Amino acid sequence: MYDPLDDDQEEVEGFHDFLQEMLSLMATVGREVCTY
């Protein structure tokens, strides 16, 4: 079974940064779509 708490901390932080980038990108695209 996969235990995220037992994982390497750098991988967890990298995944968190990836999620932040995705959310930022979706928010930007959402604003652009609403503008048109």
Protein backbone atom coordinates (compact mmCIF):
# COMPACT_ATOMS: atom_id res chain seq x y z
CA MET A 1 0.00 0.00 0.00
CA TYR A 2 1.27 3.47 -0.86
CA ASP A 3 1.98 5.75 2.10
CA PRO A 4 2.52 9.40 1.10
CA LEU A 5 4.00 10.20 4.51
CA ASP A 6 6.76 7.64 3.88
CA ASP A 7 7.64 9.14 0.49
CA ASP A 8 10.63 11.34 -0.28
CA GLN A 9 9.87 14.92 0.77
CA GLU A 10 11.27 16.44 -2.43
CA GLU A 11 8.84 14.46 -4.57
CA VAL A 12 5.92 15.63 -2.44
CA GLU A 13 6.99 19.28 -2.74
CA GLY A 14 7.46 18.89 -6.48
CA PHE A 15 3.97 17.45 -6.82
CA HIS A 16 2.58 20.34 -4.75
CA ASP A 17 4.30 22.84 -7.05
CA PHE A 18 2.83 21.00 -10.04
CA LEU A 19 -0.68 21.28 -8.57
CA GLN A 20 -0.18 25.01 -7.95
CA GLU A 21 0.91 25.49 -11.58
CA MET A 22 -2.14 23.59 -12.86
CA LEU A 23 -4.53 25.62 -10.68
CA SER A 24 -2.90 28.87 -11.78
CA LEU A 25 -3.11 27.86 -15.44
CA MET A 26 -6.76 26.83 -15.17
CA ALA A 27 -7.62 30.08 -13.38
CA THR A 28 -5.94 32.10 -16.15
CA VAL A 29 -7.70 30.17 -18.91
CA GLY A 30 -11.02 30.50 -17.07
CA ARG A 31 -10.66 34.28 -16.94
CA GLU A 32 -9.78 34.44 -20.64
CA VAL A 33 -12.84 32.35 -21.54
CA CYS A 34 -15.11 34.61 -19.47
CA THR A 35 -13.68 37.70 -21.17
CA TYR A 36 -14.81 36.65 -24.65
